[in-house]
Protein backbone atom coordinates (compact mmCIF):
# COMPACT_ATOMS: atom_id res chain seq x y z
CA MET A 1 41.36 -2.98 8.11
CA LEU A 2 43.62 -0.63 10.10
CA SER A 3 41.33 -1.14 13.07
CA THR A 4 43.81 -0.65 15.92
CA HIS A 5 45.47 2.60 16.96
CA SER A 6 48.98 1.22 16.38
CA GLU A 7 48.16 -0.09 12.89
CA LEU A 8 46.52 3.18 11.92
CA LEU A 9 49.33 5.35 13.29
CA ASP A 10 51.98 3.27 11.54
CA LYS A 11 50.07 3.59 8.27
CA ILE A 12 49.58 7.36 8.68
CA ARG A 13 53.33 7.82 9.20
CA LEU A 14 53.94 6.16 5.83
CA GLY A 15 51.34 8.32 4.08
CA GLU A 16 48.46 7.72 1.70
CA ASP A 17 48.31 4.71 -0.59
CA SER A 18 45.72 2.48 -2.25
CA PHE A 19 44.10 1.75 1.13
CA LEU A 20 44.45 5.02 3.06
CA GLU A 21 43.18 8.55 2.49
CA LEU A 22 43.81 11.43 4.91
CA LYS A 23 41.86 14.68 5.05
CA GLU A 24 41.92 17.73 7.27
CA VAL A 25 38.46 19.11 8.08
CA ARG A 26 38.35 22.90 7.70
CA PHE A 27 35.68 25.18 9.12
CA ALA A 28 34.38 28.67 8.48
CA GLY A 29 32.71 29.46 11.78
CA SER A 30 30.36 26.59 12.47
CA LYS A 31 30.14 25.53 8.80
CA ILE A 32 32.34 22.89 7.18
CA ARG A 33 34.46 24.53 4.47
CA GLY A 34 36.16 21.35 3.32
CA PRO A 35 36.13 18.62 2.27
CA SER A 36 32.89 18.96 0.33
CA GLN A 37 30.17 16.35 0.24
CA ASN A 38 30.98 15.53 -3.40
CA ASP A 39 34.69 15.16 -2.62
CA LEU A 40 33.95 12.72 0.19
CA ALA A 41 31.58 10.78 -2.05
CA ASP A 42 34.24 10.41 -4.77
CA GLU A 43 36.85 9.16 -2.27
CA LEU A 44 34.52 6.63 -0.62
CA ALA A 45 33.08 5.35 -3.90
CA ALA A 46 36.63 4.91 -5.26
CA PHE A 47 37.49 2.67 -2.30
CA ALA A 48 34.28 0.66 -2.75
CA ASN A 49 34.95 0.19 -6.48
CA SER A 50 38.48 -0.99 -5.73
CA ALA A 51 39.68 -3.21 -2.86
CA GLY A 52 38.29 -1.12 -0.02
CA GLY A 53 40.11 1.30 2.26
CA VAL A 54 40.07 3.71 5.19
CA LEU A 55 39.48 7.46 5.14
CA VAL A 56 40.61 9.37 8.24
CA LEU A 57 39.14 12.83 8.80
CA GLY A 58 41.22 15.06 11.06
CA VAL A 59 44.67 14.30 9.63
CA GLU A 60 46.49 16.64 7.22
CA ASP A 61 47.44 14.62 4.13
CA ARG A 62 50.74 16.24 3.18
CA SER A 63 52.32 16.66 6.60
CA ARG A 64 50.54 13.57 8.00
CA GLU A 65 49.95 15.55 11.19
CA VAL A 66 46.96 14.77 13.40
CA VAL A 67 45.07 18.07 13.65
CA GLY A 68 41.82 16.64 15.02
CA ILE A 69 38.20 17.79 14.92
CA ALA A 70 36.63 19.90 17.67
CA LEU A 71 34.32 17.83 19.85
CA ASP A 72 31.33 20.08 19.24
CA LYS A 73 31.76 19.69 15.47
CA LEU A 74 31.96 15.88 15.30
CA ASP A 75 28.21 15.47 14.81
CA GLY A 76 28.21 17.84 11.84
CA VAL A 77 31.14 16.07 10.20
CA GLU A 78 29.53 12.66 10.67
CA THR A 79 26.28 13.98 9.17
CA LEU A 80 28.25 15.17 6.14
CA VAL A 81 29.68 11.68 5.71
CA TYR A 82 26.22 10.09 5.93
CA GLN A 83 24.87 12.55 3.36
CA ALA A 84 27.77 11.80 1.01
CA CYS A 85 27.12 8.06 1.27
CA GLU A 86 23.35 8.23 0.90
CA GLN A 87 22.74 11.23 -1.35
CA SER A 88 25.83 11.46 -3.57
CA ILE A 89 26.65 7.79 -4.23
CA SER A 90 24.53 5.38 -6.26
CA PRO A 91 23.84 2.76 -5.06
CA PRO A 92 24.35 4.20 -1.55
CA LEU A 93 27.22 3.05 0.66
CA ALA A 94 27.03 1.91 4.28
CA PRO A 95 30.60 2.24 5.63
CA ILE A 96 31.79 1.75 9.18
CA ILE A 97 32.09 5.19 10.80
CA GLU A 98 34.07 5.32 14.04
CA ARG A 99 35.01 8.18 16.35
CA MET A 100 38.40 7.74 17.95
CA THR A 101 41.39 9.74 19.18
CA LEU A 102 44.94 9.86 17.86
CA PRO A 103 47.97 11.66 19.39
CA ASP A 104 49.12 14.88 17.74
CA ALA A 105 52.76 16.04 17.48
CA THR A 106 52.75 16.99 21.18
CA GLY A 107 51.26 13.69 22.29
CA GLU A 108 47.84 15.15 23.08
CA GLU A 109 44.91 12.97 21.98
CA GLN A 110 42.77 14.59 19.27
CA PRO A 111 39.33 13.43 18.07
CA VAL A 112 39.23 12.08 14.51
CA ILE A 113 36.71 10.14 12.43
CA ARG A 114 37.74 6.85 10.82
CA ILE A 115 35.63 5.63 7.89
CA GLU A 116 36.15 2.07 6.68
CA VAL A 117 34.82 1.08 3.27
CA ALA A 118 34.75 -2.56 2.20
CA ARG A 119 35.18 -3.77 -1.36
CA SER A 120 31.63 -3.61 -2.70
CA LEU A 121 29.60 -6.16 -4.61
CA PHE A 122 28.32 -3.25 -6.72
CA VAL A 123 29.89 -0.56 -8.91
CA HIS A 124 29.19 2.86 -7.40
CA LEU A 125 28.61 6.14 -9.22
CA SER A 126 29.67 9.37 -7.48
CA PRO A 127 29.66 13.02 -8.63
CA GLY A 128 33.01 12.56 -10.37
CA GLY A 129 31.77 9.53 -12.30
CA TYR A 130 32.84 5.92 -11.78
CA MET A 131 36.03 6.30 -9.75
CA GLN A 132 38.70 3.84 -8.61
CA ARG A 133 41.63 4.01 -6.22
CA VAL A 134 45.04 4.00 -7.89
CA GLY A 135 47.85 4.43 -5.38
CA SER A 136 47.21 7.54 -3.30
CA SER A 137 44.72 9.11 -5.71
CA LYS A 138 41.29 8.50 -7.21
CA ARG A 139 40.88 8.28 -10.96
CA PRO A 140 38.05 7.63 -13.42
CA ILE A 141 37.69 4.00 -14.43
CA PRO A 142 38.45 3.56 -18.18
CA PRO A 143 35.43 2.40 -20.23
CA ASP A 144 36.78 -1.07 -21.06
CA GLN A 145 37.79 -1.69 -17.44
CA LEU A 146 34.42 -0.38 -16.24
CA ALA A 147 32.59 -2.88 -18.45
CA ARG A 148 34.66 -5.74 -17.02
CA LEU A 149 34.08 -4.46 -13.47
CA PHE A 150 30.32 -4.42 -13.94
CA GLN A 151 30.47 -7.98 -15.21
CA GLN A 152 32.70 -9.18 -12.35
CA ARG A 153 30.64 -7.53 -9.61
CA SER A 154 27.41 -8.87 -11.13
CA GLN A 155 28.81 -12.40 -11.04
CA SER A 156 30.07 -12.00 -7.46
CA ARG A 157 26.56 -11.05 -6.34
CA LEU A 158 25.50 -14.59 -7.21
CA ILE A 159 26.90 -15.39 -3.77
CA ARG A 160 23.85 -14.90 -1.59
CA PHE A 161 23.97 -12.19 1.03
CA ASP A 162 23.16 -14.56 3.90
CA GLU A 163 26.32 -16.54 3.07
CA THR A 164 28.66 -13.53 3.16
CA PRO A 165 31.06 -12.97 6.09
CA VAL A 166 30.22 -10.17 8.52
CA PRO A 167 33.09 -7.69 9.04
CA ARG A 168 34.28 -7.19 12.65
CA ALA A 169 32.41 -10.29 13.85
CA THR A 170 34.51 -13.25 15.03
CA LEU A 171 33.75 -16.88 15.78
CA ALA A 172 33.69 -15.91 19.46
CA ASP A 173 30.47 -14.01 18.71
CA LEU A 174 28.75 -17.33 17.95
CA ASP A 175 27.23 -19.30 20.83
CA VAL A 176 28.57 -22.87 20.78
CA ALA A 177 25.32 -24.40 22.06
CA LEU A 178 23.33 -22.56 19.38
CA TRP A 179 25.43 -23.71 16.41
CA GLN A 180 26.02 -27.23 17.69
CA ARG A 181 22.29 -27.98 17.45
CA PHE A 182 22.72 -28.01 13.65
CA VAL A 183 25.71 -30.37 13.65
CA PRO A 184 25.15 -34.06 12.78
CA GLN A 185 25.86 -36.40 15.67
CA ARG A 186 28.64 -38.22 13.87
CA HIS A 187 31.27 -35.95 12.44
CA HIS A 188 35.06 -35.82 12.63
CA SER A 189 35.78 -32.34 11.35
CA THR A 190 37.19 -29.28 13.06
CA PRO A 191 34.71 -26.63 14.23
CA GLU A 192 35.75 -24.31 11.39
CA VAL A 193 35.08 -26.97 8.75
CA VAL A 194 31.69 -27.80 10.27
CA LEU A 195 30.69 -24.15 10.46
CA ASP A 196 31.78 -23.68 6.85
CA LYS A 197 29.72 -26.65 5.66
CA LEU A 198 26.67 -25.28 7.48
CA ALA A 199 27.31 -21.79 6.00
CA ILE A 200 27.47 -20.44 9.56
CA ALA A 201 31.03 -19.18 9.04
CA THR A 202 33.42 -18.63 6.16
CA ARG A 203 36.75 -17.00 5.37
CA ASP A 204 36.82 -13.34 4.36
CA GLU A 205 39.12 -11.78 1.75
CA GLN A 206 41.95 -11.65 4.31
CA GLU A 207 41.46 -15.40 5.00
CA GLN A 208 40.08 -14.66 8.48
CA TRP A 209 37.23 -16.81 9.75
CA ARG A 210 34.06 -14.75 10.16
CA PRO A 211 30.45 -15.65 10.97
CA THR A 212 28.14 -15.34 8.00
CA VAL A 213 24.94 -13.32 8.08
CA ALA A 214 22.99 -16.57 8.45
CA GLY A 215 25.35 -17.73 11.19
CA LEU A 216 24.81 -14.62 13.30
CA LEU A 217 21.05 -14.77 12.76
CA MET A 218 20.80 -18.36 13.99
CA ALA A 219 23.76 -18.85 16.33
CA SER A 220 24.14 -15.55 18.17
CA HIS A 221 22.08 -14.26 21.09
CA GLU A 222 22.57 -10.69 19.83
CA PRO A 223 22.65 -10.69 16.01
CA GLN A 224 21.50 -7.06 16.01
CA ARG A 225 24.95 -6.02 17.31
CA PHE A 226 26.25 -6.54 13.78
CA LEU A 227 22.95 -6.52 11.85
CA PRO A 228 21.07 -3.62 13.48
CA GLY A 229 17.74 -4.32 11.76
CA ALA A 230 17.65 -8.02 12.56
CA PHE A 231 14.73 -7.94 14.98
CA ILE A 232 10.93 -7.74 15.04
CA GLN A 233 9.26 -4.56 16.22
CA ALA A 234 5.84 -5.55 17.56
CA VAL A 235 3.11 -3.11 18.58
CA SER A 236 -0.50 -3.69 19.65
CA TYR A 237 -2.88 -0.77 19.08
CA ARG A 238 -6.32 0.17 20.34
CA GLY A 239 -8.85 0.60 17.56
CA THR A 240 -8.46 0.00 13.85
CA ARG A 241 -6.12 2.83 12.84
CA VAL A 242 -3.50 5.17 14.21
CA LEU A 243 -3.81 8.90 13.76
CA PRO A 244 -0.61 10.70 12.63
CA GLY A 245 1.40 12.09 15.52
CA SER A 246 -0.45 10.14 18.21
CA GLU A 247 0.93 6.65 17.82
CA THR A 248 2.02 6.11 21.44
CA ALA A 249 -1.38 7.18 22.80
CA TYR A 250 -3.00 4.21 21.05
CA GLN A 251 -0.48 1.55 22.05
CA ARG A 252 -1.62 -1.30 24.26
CA ASP A 253 1.71 -3.07 24.18
CA ALA A 254 5.04 -2.78 22.40
CA GLN A 255 8.13 -4.99 22.26
CA ASP A 256 11.36 -5.27 20.28
CA ILE A 257 11.77 -9.02 19.82
CA THR A 258 15.45 -9.95 19.54
CA GLY A 259 17.71 -13.01 19.75
CA PRO A 260 18.31 -15.82 17.24
CA LEU A 261 15.62 -16.06 14.61
CA ASP A 262 13.88 -19.14 16.01
CA GLN A 263 13.42 -17.31 19.32
CA GLN A 264 12.18 -14.24 17.47
CA ILE A 265 9.53 -16.33 15.72
CA LEU A 266 8.29 -17.83 18.99
CA GLY A 267 8.49 -14.42 20.67
CA ALA A 268 6.33 -12.85 17.96
CA CYS A 269 3.76 -15.65 18.28
CA ALA A 270 3.70 -15.14 22.06
CA PHE A 271 3.15 -11.40 21.53
CA VAL A 272 0.17 -12.05 19.26
CA ARG A 273 -1.24 -14.69 21.62
CA LYS A 274 -0.97 -12.30 24.58
CA ASN A 275 -2.53 -9.30 22.83
CA MET A 276 -5.20 -10.78 20.56
CA GLN A 277 -8.80 -10.98 21.65
CA VAL A 278 -10.45 -14.26 22.61
CA ALA A 279 -14.23 -14.75 22.65
CA ALA A 280 -16.02 -17.41 24.70
CA HIS A 281 -19.01 -19.23 23.19
CA LYS A 282 -21.37 -21.76 24.71
CA ARG A 283 -21.33 -25.16 23.12
CA ALA A 284 -24.62 -26.77 22.12
CA GLN A 285 -23.72 -29.80 24.22
CA GLY A 286 -22.77 -27.63 27.18
CA GLY A 287 -19.60 -25.92 28.35
CA ARG A 288 -17.67 -23.09 26.70
CA GLU A 289 -15.37 -22.88 23.73
CA ASP A 290 -12.75 -20.16 23.24
CA GLN A 291 -12.53 -18.57 19.81
CA PRO A 292 -9.20 -16.78 19.19
CA GLN A 293 -9.03 -13.72 17.00
CA PHE A 294 -6.22 -15.22 14.89
CA ASP A 295 -5.23 -18.75 13.93
CA MET A 296 -1.87 -19.22 15.63
CA LEU A 297 -0.56 -21.71 13.07
CA ALA A 298 -1.20 -19.13 10.36
CA VAL A 299 0.55 -16.48 12.46
CA PHE A 300 3.50 -18.84 13.00
CA GLU A 301 3.83 -19.49 9.26
CA ALA A 302 3.54 -15.77 8.47
CA VAL A 303 6.28 -14.75 10.92
CA THR A 304 8.51 -17.64 9.83
CA ASN A 305 8.23 -16.58 6.20
CA ALA A 306 8.94 -12.96 7.14
CA VAL A 307 12.20 -13.69 8.99
CA ALA A 308 13.33 -16.36 6.51
CA HIS A 309 12.76 -14.43 3.29
CA ARG A 310 13.31 -10.76 4.18
CA ASP A 311 16.18 -8.87 2.61
CA TYR A 312 18.87 -8.55 5.31
CA SER A 313 21.08 -6.47 3.03
CA MET A 314 18.73 -3.50 3.45
CA GLY A 315 20.34 -1.51 6.25
CA GLY A 316 18.19 0.27 8.81
CA THR A 317 15.10 -1.85 8.16
CA LYS A 318 13.29 -4.29 10.43
CA ILE A 319 10.27 -6.57 10.43
CA ARG A 320 7.24 -4.74 11.78
CA LEU A 321 4.28 -6.53 13.36
CA ARG A 322 1.15 -4.42 13.98
CA LEU A 323 -1.95 -5.66 15.83
CA PHE A 324 -5.25 -3.80 15.56
CA ASP A 325 -8.74 -4.60 16.84
CA ASP A 326 -9.70 -6.10 13.47
CA ARG A 327 -6.46 -7.26 11.84
CA MET A 328 -2.75 -8.07 12.02
CA GLU A 329 -0.24 -6.43 9.67
CA LEU A 330 3.22 -7.87 9.05
CA TYR A 331 5.81 -5.87 7.08
CA SER A 332 8.89 -7.65 5.73
CA PRO A 333 11.75 -5.65 4.10
CA GLY A 334 12.62 -6.42 0.50
CA MET A 335 11.03 -7.10 -2.85
CA LEU A 336 9.82 -10.57 -3.73
CA PRO A 337 12.68 -12.64 -5.24
CA ASN A 338 12.94 -14.20 -8.68
CA THR A 339 10.11 -12.37 -10.50
CA MET A 340 7.52 -13.50 -7.97
CA THR A 341 4.43 -11.36 -7.39
CA PRO A 342 1.94 -11.20 -4.48
CA GLU A 343 -0.50 -13.09 -6.70
CA SER A 344 1.95 -15.94 -7.37
CA LEU A 345 2.86 -16.59 -3.72
CA PRO A 346 0.38 -19.47 -3.23
CA TYR A 347 1.71 -21.24 -6.33
CA ARG A 348 5.47 -20.69 -6.48
CA GLN A 349 8.53 -21.05 -4.27
CA ALA A 350 11.64 -18.88 -4.22
CA ALA A 351 14.14 -18.53 -1.38
CA ARG A 352 16.21 -15.37 -1.08
CA ASN A 353 18.26 -16.80 1.80
CA GLU A 354 19.18 -20.41 1.01
CA ALA A 355 21.62 -20.86 3.91
CA LEU A 356 19.17 -19.37 6.39
CA THR A 357 16.21 -21.46 5.25
CA SER A 358 18.41 -24.57 5.40
CA LEU A 359 19.25 -23.84 9.06
CA LEU A 360 15.61 -23.09 9.91
CA ALA A 361 14.67 -26.42 8.31
CA ARG A 362 17.00 -28.13 10.84
CA CYS A 363 15.75 -26.15 13.85
CA PRO A 364 13.07 -27.79 16.08
CA ILE A 365 10.02 -25.62 16.73
CA GLY A 366 10.22 -25.98 20.50
CA ASP A 367 6.53 -25.14 21.11
CA ASP A 368 4.14 -28.08 21.36
CA SER A 369 1.11 -25.95 20.50
CA LEU A 370 2.73 -24.95 17.19
CA ALA A 371 4.47 -28.23 16.36
CA VAL A 372 1.28 -30.05 15.42
CA HIS A 373 1.94 -30.35 11.69
CA ARG A 374 5.74 -30.65 11.50
CA GLN A 375 8.83 -30.99 13.68
CA TYR A 376 11.03 -28.18 12.37
CA ILE A 377 10.45 -24.45 11.94
CA MET A 378 10.96 -24.15 8.19
CA ASP A 379 9.00 -26.09 5.61
CA LYS A 380 10.70 -26.54 2.23
CA ARG A 381 7.65 -27.97 0.50
CA GLY A 382 5.96 -24.62 0.02
CA GLU A 383 3.06 -25.25 2.40
CA GLY A 384 3.46 -22.05 4.44
CA VAL A 385 1.48 -19.58 2.31
CA PRO A 386 -1.43 -22.00 1.65
CA ILE A 387 -1.70 -22.61 5.41
CA ILE A 388 -1.78 -18.85 6.06
CA LEU A 389 -4.48 -18.27 3.45
CA GLU A 390 -6.70 -21.26 4.20
CA ARG A 391 -6.69 -21.24 8.00
CA SER A 392 -7.02 -17.45 8.31
CA GLU A 393 -9.96 -17.22 5.90
CA ARG A 394 -11.67 -20.18 7.57
CA LEU A 395 -11.50 -18.39 10.94
CA SER A 396 -12.31 -14.81 9.92
CA GLY A 397 -14.25 -15.23 6.69
CA GLN A 398 -11.83 -12.86 4.90
CA PRO A 399 -8.79 -13.92 2.85
CA PRO A 400 -5.41 -12.49 3.89
CA VAL A 401 -3.94 -9.90 1.53
CA TYR A 402 -0.33 -9.63 0.30
CA GLN A 403 0.83 -6.37 -1.23
CA LEU A 404 4.12 -4.67 -2.14
CA CYS A 405 4.80 -1.24 -0.66
CA ASP A 406 7.07 1.02 -2.75
CA ASP A 407 8.77 -2.07 -4.23
CA SER A 408 10.78 -2.37 -1.01
CA GLU A 409 8.52 -4.03 1.56
CA LEU A 410 6.04 -6.92 1.52
CA LYS A 411 2.93 -6.34 3.63
CA LEU A 412 0.68 -9.18 4.79
CA THR A 413 -2.71 -8.37 6.31
CA ILE A 414 -4.49 -11.12 8.24
CA TYR A 415 -8.01 -10.22 9.32
CA GLY A 416 -9.20 -11.23 12.74
CA ALA A 417 -12.31 -13.23 13.51
CA PRO A 418 -15.26 -11.07 14.62
CA MET A 419 -15.29 -10.93 18.42
CA GLU A 420 -18.98 -11.23 19.30
CA ALA A 421 -20.35 -11.15 22.81
CA GLU A 422 -21.08 -14.46 24.49
CA GLN A 423 -24.57 -15.79 23.66
């Protein structure tokens, strides 16, 4: 929306409307005198509660003149915007914030900040109440309209997040070889139709084809370009705990594992295999037998579940894999879906990301050592958690533990087998 200089300049010349708000940023010394954090929150929430829009900071609204923002004050203005979105709006907003330049009346380029807010799936409360955009102004939403809006937005959220189009991403951001591996051999449809049927792409509100969240996660080499938390942060530590403030001193190895999700799963397994301990024991009949610290099939199932069922709508979060001398910890963002609890995991199934799990169920494992019990990465029969529990406890003598952290993250602890000296 108004993403190019020419589009934005043309719109500014016409003035504010339902989709454009202009604000000059005023300073008193180094402090921002206006707009206030609450004022920004009301404007941004009003866009989100309506059809979306763009707020440009650094343009005077009445004269429509580009006045700009001093370069050394851009950081402070952007911080104010973040604070308005996170502290003064409920639920918080995550708009696109872009620094750019626009020509002033003399033709000189001036720094401004462009903030793009999409139509939200939620109804947002800001300091002024529940606001909406009406023409060039924001106004409180009448009670009867607010009730209908809550109902409409609640119904629209039935569309799963992994099936939603990703703004700014285009079909060119999908790798043809990656998405074609999911296409049946015999088909006579156009690429767009095929991608739509696979939930890899869909049309947005402007009828533009966009990759879905699931499409970027499975058919892009760099999904984190558009989904910044879509990777696995893996760290191997010395000892059994990390003292506050000294984390790097205890690290044996660390890696950010990126790429399409199937490669992330294999990359995480390779990280565990490389960093776990292996003990050698003499066999009674002669020779030696290696005993790994962790059962790799259990690790594979644990990482697969983490990437398949995490909540990708939680911005700024990532899967965290932690290896210690006695255990492995795996943190997956999001609460358990559909009233599930850590205790019910071995007995029930619930998929947060239906499109994503469907694609993973079509994706070959690609590692012979892990593909001993099935051909494809995802299992839809609910065998993953039982495999994790049974095989891990058989190896270490301790059952793995699932627990919720702050109702926003699922933690799985798998205990390692005791590493005894060779007899």
